[in-house]
Amino acid sequence: MSDLYRYAALLRGINVGGHRVKMDRLRAVIGELGYTDVKTLIASGNVVFSTESDDVPALEAEIEAHLLAELGYEVATFLRTPDQLAEVVSIAQGRGSRDGSTDTWRGGALAGGQSSCYVIFFAEPLGSEVATRFKNACSHTDDFQIEGREIYWRLPGKLSDSPLFGRKSERMMKGLQTTSRNLTTVRRLLGKL
């Protein structure tokens, strides 16, 4: 019997901009690819599945092509393994970074109290121009930590309270293929894996 690999697929724009896909339909479409144990989490494009393939780029391309054929629009797909998603949760909670250091968040207004954390997922590690764009946007209300293929956006209160919310963050993301999730969703997705 072949080994099965488990993945979380984070799909961009699955239920926004006039596109609507019921989760039972999304599970069926993903299952058509021969993947097994397909589950979804909330209606924002979170799918977990098992497959015999460990070729992540090929799986992402296969899912994107199939979703385009079945849904009629492009859906960028970002896969993470259970270990990768566990590391994302650990970093998002401020427990460390990939280089082994800990407590990597800036202090100041973000220390203590209620805060929110959003994870922005990329297909590839960020280049220096993109990293600089986000580092330059750090302020007393918004902190960005760049680690590999993710940016961790921590802020006090809700995302809508940030001065970067809306058009400013859209400009920061311009030209980038990303999807984002709040930390609660990422934790729940990890639990499904």
N, C-alpha and C. Protein backbone atom coordinates (compact mmCIF):
# COMPACT_ATOMS: atom_id res chain seq x y z
N MET A 1 0.85 -1.19 0.00
CA MET A 1 0.00 0.00 0.00
C MET A 1 0.88 1.25 0.00
N SER A 2 0.55 2.22 -0.83
CA SER A 2 1.32 3.45 -0.93
C SER A 2 1.06 4.35 0.27
N ASP A 3 2.05 5.20 0.57
CA ASP A 3 1.87 6.20 1.61
C ASP A 3 0.88 7.25 1.14
N LEU A 4 0.10 7.75 2.06
CA LEU A 4 -0.80 8.86 1.76
C LEU A 4 -0.25 10.11 2.41
N TYR A 5 -0.30 11.21 1.68
CA TYR A 5 0.13 12.50 2.18
C TYR A 5 -1.11 13.35 2.40
N ARG A 6 -1.10 14.09 3.49
CA ARG A 6 -2.24 14.93 3.85
C ARG A 6 -1.88 16.39 3.59
N TYR A 7 -2.82 17.15 3.04
CA TYR A 7 -2.57 18.56 2.71
C TYR A 7 -3.75 19.42 3.10
N ALA A 8 -3.45 20.67 3.39
CA ALA A 8 -4.45 21.72 3.48
C ALA A 8 -4.32 22.56 2.22
N ALA A 9 -5.43 22.76 1.53
CA ALA A 9 -5.46 23.63 0.36
C ALA A 9 -6.17 24.91 0.75
N LEU A 10 -5.46 26.03 0.60
CA LEU A 10 -6.04 27.34 0.86
C LEU A 10 -6.34 27.94 -0.50
N LEU A 11 -7.60 28.11 -0.80
CA LEU A 11 -8.04 28.57 -2.11
C LEU A 11 -8.39 30.05 -2.05
N ARG A 12 -7.91 30.80 -3.03
CA ARG A 12 -8.17 32.24 -3.05
C ARG A 12 -9.45 32.55 -3.82
N GLY A 13 -10.31 33.34 -3.21
CA GLY A 13 -11.47 33.89 -3.88
C GLY A 13 -12.55 32.90 -4.24
N ILE A 14 -12.67 31.83 -3.47
CA ILE A 14 -13.64 30.79 -3.81
C ILE A 14 -15.07 31.28 -3.63
N ASN A 15 -15.34 32.12 -2.67
CA ASN A 15 -16.69 32.62 -2.43
C ASN A 15 -16.70 34.14 -2.25
N VAL A 16 -16.08 34.84 -3.18
CA VAL A 16 -16.08 36.31 -3.18
C VAL A 16 -16.29 36.80 -4.60
N GLY A 17 -16.59 38.07 -4.74
CA GLY A 17 -16.71 38.67 -6.06
C GLY A 17 -17.80 38.07 -6.93
N GLY A 18 -18.91 37.68 -6.32
CA GLY A 18 -20.01 37.13 -7.09
C GLY A 18 -19.92 35.63 -7.34
N HIS A 19 -18.80 35.01 -6.98
CA HIS A 19 -18.65 33.57 -7.14
C HIS A 19 -19.18 32.89 -5.88
N ARG A 20 -19.99 31.86 -6.06
CA ARG A 20 -20.52 31.11 -4.92
C ARG A 20 -20.42 29.62 -5.20
N VAL A 21 -19.78 28.92 -4.29
CA VAL A 21 -19.65 27.47 -4.40
C VAL A 21 -20.04 26.86 -3.06
N LYS A 22 -21.02 26.00 -3.09
CA LYS A 22 -21.40 25.30 -1.86
C LYS A 22 -20.29 24.30 -1.51
N MET A 23 -20.11 24.08 -0.22
CA MET A 23 -19.00 23.24 0.23
C MET A 23 -19.15 21.78 -0.20
N ASP A 24 -20.38 21.28 -0.30
CA ASP A 24 -20.51 19.91 -0.79
C ASP A 24 -20.07 19.81 -2.24
N ARG A 25 -20.35 20.84 -3.03
CA ARG A 25 -19.88 20.88 -4.43
C ARG A 25 -18.36 20.97 -4.48
N LEU A 26 -17.76 21.80 -3.63
CA LEU A 26 -16.30 21.93 -3.62
C LEU A 26 -15.65 20.61 -3.23
N ARG A 27 -16.20 19.93 -2.23
CA ARG A 27 -15.66 18.62 -1.84
C ARG A 27 -15.74 17.63 -3.01
N ALA A 28 -16.86 17.65 -3.73
CA ALA A 28 -17.03 16.74 -4.87
C ALA A 28 -16.02 17.06 -5.97
N VAL A 29 -15.82 18.34 -6.26
CA VAL A 29 -14.88 18.74 -7.32
C VAL A 29 -13.46 18.30 -6.96
N ILE A 30 -13.06 18.51 -5.73
CA ILE A 30 -11.72 18.09 -5.30
C ILE A 30 -11.63 16.57 -5.31
N GLY A 31 -12.68 15.89 -4.90
CA GLY A 31 -12.69 14.43 -4.92
C GLY A 31 -12.59 13.84 -6.32
N GLU A 32 -13.06 14.58 -7.32
CA GLU A 32 -12.96 14.11 -8.71
C GLU A 32 -11.51 13.91 -9.15
N LEU A 33 -10.59 14.53 -8.45
CA LEU A 33 -9.16 14.40 -8.79
C LEU A 33 -8.56 13.11 -8.23
N GLY A 34 -9.37 12.32 -7.52
CA GLY A 34 -8.88 11.08 -6.95
C GLY A 34 -8.35 11.24 -5.53
N TYR A 35 -8.48 12.45 -4.97
CA TYR A 35 -8.05 12.67 -3.60
C TYR A 35 -9.08 12.05 -2.66
N THR A 36 -8.63 11.66 -1.49
CA THR A 36 -9.52 10.99 -0.54
C THR A 36 -9.63 11.79 0.75
N ASP A 37 -10.59 11.39 1.58
CA ASP A 37 -10.83 12.02 2.88
C ASP A 37 -10.90 13.54 2.75
N VAL A 38 -11.66 14.01 1.76
CA VAL A 38 -11.78 15.44 1.47
C VAL A 38 -12.77 16.07 2.45
N LYS A 39 -12.31 17.15 3.10
CA LYS A 39 -13.15 17.88 4.05
C LYS A 39 -12.97 19.37 3.78
N THR A 40 -14.01 20.15 4.08
CA THR A 40 -13.92 21.60 3.96
C THR A 40 -14.14 22.23 5.32
N LEU A 41 -13.70 23.47 5.44
CA LEU A 41 -13.87 24.24 6.67
C LEU A 41 -14.36 25.62 6.29
N ILE A 42 -15.46 26.01 6.83
CA ILE A 42 -16.16 27.26 6.51
C ILE A 42 -16.15 27.51 5.00
N ALA A 43 -16.92 28.45 4.57
CA ALA A 43 -17.12 28.65 3.13
C ALA A 43 -16.14 29.65 2.54
N SER A 44 -14.88 29.59 2.95
CA SER A 44 -13.90 30.56 2.43
C SER A 44 -12.75 29.88 1.71
N GLY A 45 -12.95 28.65 1.24
CA GLY A 45 -11.92 28.01 0.43
C GLY A 45 -10.86 27.28 1.21
N ASN A 46 -11.24 26.53 2.21
CA ASN A 46 -10.32 25.73 3.00
C ASN A 46 -10.68 24.26 2.82
N VAL A 47 -9.75 23.49 2.27
CA VAL A 47 -10.00 22.08 1.97
C VAL A 47 -8.83 21.26 2.49
N VAL A 48 -9.12 20.12 3.10
CA VAL A 48 -8.07 19.17 3.46
C VAL A 48 -8.35 17.88 2.70
N PHE A 49 -7.27 17.19 2.33
CA PHE A 49 -7.43 15.95 1.56
C PHE A 49 -6.18 15.11 1.70
N SER A 50 -6.29 13.85 1.27
CA SER A 50 -5.16 12.93 1.23
C SER A 50 -4.93 12.50 -0.21
N THR A 51 -3.67 12.21 -0.53
CA THR A 51 -3.31 11.74 -1.87
C THR A 51 -1.99 10.98 -1.77
N GLU A 52 -1.69 10.21 -2.79
CA GLU A 52 -0.43 9.47 -2.83
C GLU A 52 0.73 10.33 -3.31
N SER A 53 0.46 11.49 -3.86
CA SER A 53 1.50 12.35 -4.43
C SER A 53 2.13 13.25 -3.38
N ASP A 54 3.44 13.41 -3.49
CA ASP A 54 4.13 14.38 -2.64
C ASP A 54 4.69 15.54 -3.48
N ASP A 55 4.22 15.66 -4.72
CA ASP A 55 4.67 16.71 -5.64
C ASP A 55 3.74 17.92 -5.50
N VAL A 56 4.08 18.80 -4.57
CA VAL A 56 3.21 19.92 -4.24
C VAL A 56 2.96 20.85 -5.43
N PRO A 57 3.98 21.27 -6.18
CA PRO A 57 3.68 22.15 -7.33
C PRO A 57 2.73 21.49 -8.34
N ALA A 58 2.91 20.20 -8.59
CA ALA A 58 2.03 19.51 -9.52
C ALA A 58 0.61 19.43 -8.98
N LEU A 59 0.46 19.19 -7.68
CA LEU A 59 -0.87 19.14 -7.07
C LEU A 59 -1.55 20.50 -7.14
N GLU A 60 -0.81 21.57 -6.83
CA GLU A 60 -1.39 22.92 -6.91
C GLU A 60 -1.87 23.21 -8.33
N ALA A 61 -1.04 22.89 -9.31
CA ALA A 61 -1.40 23.13 -10.71
C ALA A 61 -2.61 22.30 -11.12
N GLU A 62 -2.66 21.05 -10.66
CA GLU A 62 -3.78 20.16 -10.99
C GLU A 62 -5.09 20.70 -10.40
N ILE A 63 -5.04 21.13 -9.16
CA ILE A 63 -6.24 21.66 -8.50
C ILE A 63 -6.69 22.94 -9.20
N GLU A 64 -5.75 23.85 -9.49
CA GLU A 64 -6.10 25.10 -10.16
C GLU A 64 -6.75 24.85 -11.52
N ALA A 65 -6.16 23.94 -12.31
CA ALA A 65 -6.71 23.63 -13.64
C ALA A 65 -8.10 23.02 -13.53
N HIS A 66 -8.29 22.12 -12.58
CA HIS A 66 -9.59 21.45 -12.42
C HIS A 66 -10.65 22.44 -11.94
N LEU A 67 -10.30 23.30 -11.00
CA LEU A 67 -11.26 24.30 -10.53
C LEU A 67 -11.64 25.26 -11.65
N LEU A 68 -10.69 25.66 -12.47
CA LEU A 68 -10.99 26.53 -13.61
C LEU A 68 -11.97 25.85 -14.55
N ALA A 69 -11.70 24.58 -14.85
CA ALA A 69 -12.58 23.83 -15.76
C ALA A 69 -13.97 23.64 -15.18
N GLU A 70 -14.06 23.37 -13.89
CA GLU A 70 -15.35 23.06 -13.27
C GLU A 70 -16.13 24.30 -12.83
N LEU A 71 -15.42 25.35 -12.38
CA LEU A 71 -16.10 26.52 -11.84
C LEU A 71 -16.15 27.68 -12.82
N GLY A 72 -15.24 27.66 -13.80
CA GLY A 72 -15.24 28.71 -14.81
C GLY A 72 -14.45 29.95 -14.43
N TYR A 73 -13.69 29.91 -13.37
CA TYR A 73 -12.83 31.03 -13.00
C TYR A 73 -11.58 30.52 -12.30
N GLU A 74 -10.53 31.35 -12.33
CA GLU A 74 -9.25 30.95 -11.74
C GLU A 74 -9.33 31.01 -10.22
N VAL A 75 -8.75 29.99 -9.60
CA VAL A 75 -8.69 29.90 -8.14
C VAL A 75 -7.25 29.55 -7.77
N ALA A 76 -6.49 30.55 -7.32
CA ALA A 76 -5.12 30.29 -6.88
C ALA A 76 -5.16 29.34 -5.69
N THR A 77 -4.24 28.38 -5.67
CA THR A 77 -4.23 27.32 -4.66
C THR A 77 -2.88 27.28 -3.96
N PHE A 78 -2.92 27.25 -2.65
CA PHE A 78 -1.72 27.22 -1.82
C PHE A 78 -1.81 26.00 -0.91
N LEU A 79 -0.92 25.03 -1.10
CA LEU A 79 -0.93 23.82 -0.28
C LEU A 79 0.07 23.93 0.86
N ARG A 80 -0.32 23.37 2.01
CA ARG A 80 0.58 23.25 3.15
C ARG A 80 0.38 21.87 3.76
N THR A 81 1.48 21.27 4.22
CA THR A 81 1.42 19.99 4.91
C THR A 81 1.02 20.23 6.36
N PRO A 82 0.65 19.17 7.09
CA PRO A 82 0.33 19.36 8.51
C PRO A 82 1.49 19.99 9.29
N ASP A 83 2.72 19.54 9.04
CA ASP A 83 3.87 20.11 9.75
C ASP A 83 4.06 21.59 9.41
N GLN A 84 3.89 21.94 8.14
CA GLN A 84 4.04 23.34 7.75
C GLN A 84 2.96 24.20 8.39
N LEU A 85 1.73 23.70 8.42
CA LEU A 85 0.65 24.48 9.03
C LEU A 85 0.84 24.59 10.54
N ALA A 86 1.35 23.54 11.18
CA ALA A 86 1.64 23.61 12.62
C ALA A 86 2.70 24.67 12.90
N GLU A 87 3.69 24.77 12.02
CA GLU A 87 4.73 25.79 12.19
C GLU A 87 4.13 27.19 11.99
N VAL A 88 3.23 27.34 11.04
CA VAL A 88 2.56 28.62 10.83
C VAL A 88 1.82 29.03 12.10
N VAL A 89 1.08 28.11 12.71
CA VAL A 89 0.35 28.41 13.94
C VAL A 89 1.32 28.80 15.05
N SER A 90 2.42 28.08 15.19
CA SER A 90 3.40 28.38 16.22
C SER A 90 3.98 29.79 16.04
N ILE A 91 4.35 30.13 14.83
CA ILE A 91 4.91 31.46 14.57
C ILE A 91 3.85 32.53 14.78
N ALA A 92 2.63 32.29 14.30
CA ALA A 92 1.55 33.27 14.44
C ALA A 92 1.23 33.55 15.90
N GLN A 93 1.41 32.55 16.75
CA GLN A 93 1.16 32.74 18.19
C GLN A 93 2.36 33.35 18.89
N GLY A 94 3.41 33.68 18.14
CA GLY A 94 4.57 34.34 18.72
C GLY A 94 5.52 33.41 19.43
N ARG A 95 5.50 32.13 19.07
CA ARG A 95 6.33 31.15 19.78
C ARG A 95 7.69 30.92 19.13
N GLY A 96 7.96 31.62 18.05
CA GLY A 96 9.27 31.43 17.44
C GLY A 96 9.23 31.66 15.96
N SER A 97 10.37 31.45 15.34
CA SER A 97 10.48 31.62 13.90
C SER A 97 11.29 30.48 13.33
N ARG A 98 11.35 30.42 12.02
CA ARG A 98 12.04 29.32 11.36
C ARG A 98 13.55 29.30 11.67
N ASP A 99 14.11 30.46 12.05
CA ASP A 99 15.54 30.48 12.34
C ASP A 99 15.85 30.06 13.78
N GLY A 100 14.81 29.67 14.52
CA GLY A 100 15.02 29.18 15.88
C GLY A 100 14.90 30.24 16.95
N SER A 101 14.79 31.52 16.56
CA SER A 101 14.65 32.56 17.57
C SER A 101 13.22 32.56 18.09
N THR A 102 13.02 33.22 19.20
CA THR A 102 11.68 33.31 19.77
C THR A 102 11.32 34.76 20.02
N ASP A 103 10.06 34.99 20.33
CA ASP A 103 9.57 36.32 20.66
C ASP A 103 9.96 37.32 19.59
N THR A 104 9.62 37.03 18.35
CA THR A 104 10.05 37.85 17.24
C THR A 104 9.16 39.05 16.98
N TRP A 105 8.04 39.16 17.70
CA TRP A 105 7.16 40.30 17.47
C TRP A 105 7.73 41.54 18.12
N ARG A 106 7.53 42.68 17.47
CA ARG A 106 7.88 43.96 18.08
C ARG A 106 7.04 44.13 19.33
N GLY A 107 7.53 44.87 20.25
CA GLY A 107 6.77 45.13 21.48
C GLY A 107 5.79 46.25 21.26
N GLY A 108 5.79 47.23 22.16
CA GLY A 108 4.96 48.41 21.99
C GLY A 108 3.49 48.10 22.14
N ALA A 109 2.70 48.74 21.29
CA ALA A 109 1.25 48.67 21.40
C ALA A 109 0.70 47.27 21.16
N LEU A 110 1.51 46.40 20.55
CA LEU A 110 1.00 45.08 20.24
C LEU A 110 1.21 44.09 21.38
N ALA A 111 2.01 44.45 22.36
CA ALA A 111 2.28 43.53 23.46
C ALA A 111 1.09 43.51 24.41
N GLY A 112 0.68 42.31 24.81
CA GLY A 112 -0.39 42.16 25.77
C GLY A 112 -1.74 42.54 25.20
N GLY A 113 -2.78 42.37 25.98
CA GLY A 113 -4.12 42.74 25.56
C GLY A 113 -4.63 41.89 24.40
N GLN A 114 -5.75 42.32 23.86
CA GLN A 114 -6.35 41.62 22.74
C GLN A 114 -5.67 42.03 21.45
N SER A 115 -5.34 41.05 20.64
CA SER A 115 -4.78 41.36 19.33
C SER A 115 -5.30 40.35 18.33
N SER A 116 -5.17 40.69 17.07
CA SER A 116 -5.57 39.80 15.98
C SER A 116 -4.33 39.44 15.19
N CYS A 117 -4.36 38.27 14.58
CA CYS A 117 -3.27 37.87 13.70
C CYS A 117 -3.87 37.25 12.45
N TYR A 118 -3.38 37.73 11.31
CA TYR A 118 -3.77 37.21 10.01
C TYR A 118 -2.52 36.68 9.34
N VAL A 119 -2.66 35.57 8.64
CA VAL A 119 -1.54 34.98 7.93
C VAL A 119 -1.80 35.15 6.44
N ILE A 120 -0.83 35.73 5.75
CA ILE A 120 -0.91 35.92 4.30
C ILE A 120 -0.01 34.85 3.69
N PHE A 121 -0.60 33.97 2.89
CA PHE A 121 0.11 32.84 2.29
C PHE A 121 0.55 33.17 0.87
N PHE A 122 1.79 32.80 0.55
CA PHE A 122 2.36 32.98 -0.78
C PHE A 122 2.78 31.61 -1.31
N ALA A 123 2.93 31.51 -2.62
CA ALA A 123 3.40 30.26 -3.23
C ALA A 123 4.89 30.07 -3.02
N GLU A 124 5.65 31.16 -3.04
CA GLU A 124 7.11 31.11 -2.93
C GLU A 124 7.57 32.03 -1.81
N PRO A 125 8.80 31.82 -1.30
CA PRO A 125 9.34 32.77 -0.32
C PRO A 125 9.37 34.18 -0.90
N LEU A 126 9.19 35.16 -0.06
CA LEU A 126 9.11 36.54 -0.51
C LEU A 126 10.47 37.08 -0.93
N GLY A 127 10.46 37.84 -2.00
CA GLY A 127 11.67 38.54 -2.43
C GLY A 127 11.90 39.76 -1.57
N SER A 128 13.06 40.36 -1.71
CA SER A 128 13.43 41.49 -0.84
C SER A 128 12.54 42.71 -1.07
N GLU A 129 12.08 42.94 -2.31
CA GLU A 129 11.23 44.11 -2.59
C GLU A 129 9.90 43.99 -1.86
N VAL A 130 9.30 42.81 -1.89
CA VAL A 130 8.03 42.59 -1.21
C VAL A 130 8.23 42.65 0.30
N ALA A 131 9.29 42.04 0.80
CA ALA A 131 9.56 42.07 2.23
C ALA A 131 9.73 43.51 2.71
N THR A 132 10.45 44.32 1.95
CA THR A 132 10.66 45.72 2.31
C THR A 132 9.34 46.48 2.32
N ARG A 133 8.49 46.20 1.35
CA ARG A 133 7.17 46.85 1.27
C ARG A 133 6.40 46.66 2.56
N PHE A 134 6.41 45.44 3.10
CA PHE A 134 5.66 45.16 4.32
C PHE A 134 6.40 45.66 5.56
N LYS A 135 7.71 45.52 5.60
CA LYS A 135 8.46 46.02 6.75
C LYS A 135 8.29 47.52 6.90
N ASN A 136 8.25 48.24 5.78
CA ASN A 136 8.07 49.69 5.82
C ASN A 136 6.68 50.10 6.28
N ALA A 137 5.72 49.18 6.24
CA ALA A 137 4.35 49.47 6.66
C ALA A 137 4.13 49.23 8.15
N CYS A 138 5.13 48.69 8.86
CA CYS A 138 4.98 48.46 10.30
C CYS A 138 4.77 49.79 11.01
N SER A 139 3.89 49.78 11.99
CA SER A 139 3.59 50.98 12.75
C SER A 139 3.18 50.58 14.17
N HIS A 140 2.71 51.56 14.93
CA HIS A 140 2.24 51.24 16.28
C HIS A 140 0.95 50.42 16.26
N THR A 141 0.28 50.34 15.11
CA THR A 141 -0.95 49.55 15.02
C THR A 141 -0.80 48.29 14.19
N ASP A 142 0.19 48.21 13.35
CA ASP A 142 0.33 47.06 12.44
C ASP A 142 1.76 46.55 12.48
N ASP A 143 1.88 45.25 12.69
CA ASP A 143 3.21 44.63 12.69
C ASP A 143 3.21 43.49 11.69
N PHE A 144 4.22 43.46 10.84
CA PHE A 144 4.36 42.40 9.85
C PHE A 144 5.64 41.62 10.13
N GLN A 145 5.49 40.32 10.21
CA GLN A 145 6.64 39.43 10.37
C GLN A 145 6.69 38.54 9.12
N ILE A 146 7.83 38.52 8.48
CA ILE A 146 7.99 37.74 7.26
C ILE A 146 8.80 36.50 7.57
N GLU A 147 8.22 35.34 7.25
CA GLU A 147 8.88 34.06 7.49
C GLU A 147 8.62 33.15 6.30
N GLY A 148 9.61 32.92 5.48
CA GLY A 148 9.48 31.99 4.36
C GLY A 148 8.40 32.39 3.39
N ARG A 149 7.32 31.59 3.31
CA ARG A 149 6.23 31.83 2.37
C ARG A 149 5.00 32.45 3.02
N GLU A 150 5.18 33.02 4.20
CA GLU A 150 4.06 33.65 4.89
C GLU A 150 4.46 35.01 5.45
N ILE A 151 3.46 35.87 5.54
CA ILE A 151 3.58 37.13 6.28
C ILE A 151 2.54 37.05 7.40
N TYR A 152 2.97 37.37 8.59
CA TYR A 152 2.10 37.37 9.77
C TYR A 152 1.78 38.82 10.09
N TRP A 153 0.51 39.16 10.04
CA TRP A 153 0.06 40.54 10.27
C TRP A 153 -0.65 40.57 11.60
N ARG A 154 -0.01 41.17 12.58
CA ARG A 154 -0.59 41.26 13.92
C ARG A 154 -0.95 42.71 14.20
N LEU A 155 -2.11 42.88 14.83
CA LEU A 155 -2.58 44.21 15.15
C LEU A 155 -3.50 44.14 16.36
N PRO A 156 -3.59 45.23 17.12
CA PRO A 156 -4.52 45.24 18.24
C PRO A 156 -5.94 45.38 17.70
N GLY A 157 -6.86 44.68 18.29
CA GLY A 157 -8.24 44.78 17.86
C GLY A 157 -8.51 44.04 16.56
N LYS A 158 -9.51 44.54 15.80
CA LYS A 158 -9.95 43.89 14.58
C LYS A 158 -9.19 44.43 13.37
N LEU A 159 -9.18 43.65 12.30
CA LEU A 159 -8.53 44.06 11.06
C LEU A 159 -9.14 45.36 10.54
N SER A 160 -10.45 45.50 10.66
CA SER A 160 -11.11 46.71 10.15
C SER A 160 -10.70 47.97 10.93
N ASP A 161 -10.06 47.81 12.10
CA ASP A 161 -9.58 48.96 12.87
C ASP A 161 -8.23 49.47 12.36
N SER A 162 -7.57 48.69 11.52
CA SER A 162 -6.24 49.07 11.02
C SER A 162 -6.35 50.19 10.00
N PRO A 163 -5.43 51.18 10.06
CA PRO A 163 -5.41 52.21 9.02
C PRO A 163 -5.02 51.63 7.66
N LEU A 164 -4.49 50.42 7.63
CA LEU A 164 -4.12 49.78 6.37
C LEU A 164 -5.26 48.98 5.75
N PHE A 165 -6.34 48.81 6.49
CA PHE A 165 -7.46 48.00 6.01
C PHE A 165 -8.08 48.65 4.77
N GLY A 166 -8.40 47.84 3.80
CA GLY A 166 -9.06 48.34 2.59
C GLY A 166 -8.08 48.65 1.48
N ARG A 167 -8.21 49.84 0.93
CA ARG A 167 -7.41 50.20 -0.26
C ARG A 167 -5.91 50.18 -0.02
N LYS A 168 -5.48 50.60 1.17
CA LYS A 168 -4.03 50.62 1.43
C LYS A 168 -3.45 49.21 1.40
N SER A 169 -4.13 48.26 2.04
CA SER A 169 -3.62 46.89 2.01
C SER A 169 -3.74 46.29 0.62
N GLU A 170 -4.78 46.67 -0.14
CA GLU A 170 -4.90 46.20 -1.52
C GLU A 170 -3.72 46.68 -2.36
N ARG A 171 -3.30 47.92 -2.15
CA ARG A 171 -2.13 48.44 -2.88
C ARG A 171 -0.86 47.69 -2.49
N MET A 172 -0.75 47.34 -1.20
CA MET A 172 0.42 46.59 -0.76
C MET A 172 0.47 45.21 -1.40
N MET A 173 -0.70 44.63 -1.67
CA MET A 173 -0.79 43.29 -2.23
C MET A 173 -0.78 43.29 -3.76
N LYS A 174 -0.81 44.47 -4.36
CA LYS A 174 -0.93 44.57 -5.82
C LYS A 174 0.16 43.75 -6.52
N GLY A 175 -0.29 42.95 -7.47
CA GLY A 175 0.64 42.13 -8.25
C GLY A 175 1.10 40.86 -7.57
N LEU A 176 0.60 40.60 -6.37
CA LEU A 176 1.03 39.42 -5.62
C LEU A 176 -0.07 38.37 -5.61
N GLN A 177 0.30 37.12 -5.79
CA GLN A 177 -0.64 36.01 -5.72
C GLN A 177 -0.65 35.51 -4.27
N THR A 178 -1.70 35.84 -3.53
CA THR A 178 -1.78 35.51 -2.11
C THR A 178 -3.17 35.07 -1.73
N THR A 179 -3.27 34.51 -0.55
CA THR A 179 -4.55 34.35 0.13
C THR A 179 -4.26 34.51 1.61
N SER A 180 -5.24 34.93 2.37
CA SER A 180 -5.00 35.14 3.79
C SER A 180 -6.11 34.51 4.62
N ARG A 181 -5.74 34.19 5.86
CA ARG A 181 -6.68 33.62 6.83
C ARG A 181 -6.37 34.19 8.20
N ASN A 182 -7.40 34.30 9.04
CA ASN A 182 -7.12 34.71 10.41
C ASN A 182 -6.60 33.49 11.17
N LEU A 183 -5.96 33.75 12.29
CA LEU A 183 -5.31 32.69 13.05
C LEU A 183 -6.32 31.65 13.53
N THR A 184 -7.52 32.06 13.88
CA THR A 184 -8.54 31.11 14.32
C THR A 184 -8.84 30.09 13.23
N THR A 185 -8.99 30.55 12.01
CA THR A 185 -9.25 29.65 10.88
C THR A 185 -8.07 28.72 10.65
N VAL A 186 -6.85 29.24 10.73
CA VAL A 186 -5.67 28.40 10.52
C VAL A 186 -5.60 27.31 11.59
N ARG A 187 -5.88 27.66 12.83
CA ARG A 187 -5.89 26.65 13.91
C ARG A 187 -6.94 25.57 13.64
N ARG A 188 -8.13 25.99 13.24
CA ARG A 188 -9.20 25.03 12.96
C ARG A 188 -8.83 24.14 11.78
N LEU A 189 -8.19 24.70 10.77
CA LEU A 189 -7.76 23.93 9.62
C LEU A 189 -6.73 22.89 10.03
N LEU A 190 -5.79 23.29 10.86
CA LEU A 190 -4.80 22.35 11.38
C LEU A 190 -5.48 21.23 12.13
N GLY A 191 -6.51 21.54 12.91
CA GLY A 191 -7.27 20.51 13.63
C GLY A 191 -7.93 19.51 12.69
N LYS A 192 -8.39 19.97 11.53
CA LYS A 192 -8.99 19.06 10.54
C LYS A 192 -7.97 18.14 9.92
N LEU A 193 -6.70 18.58 9.86
CA LEU A 193 -5.65 17.73 9.29
C LEU A 193 -5.35 16.56 10.21
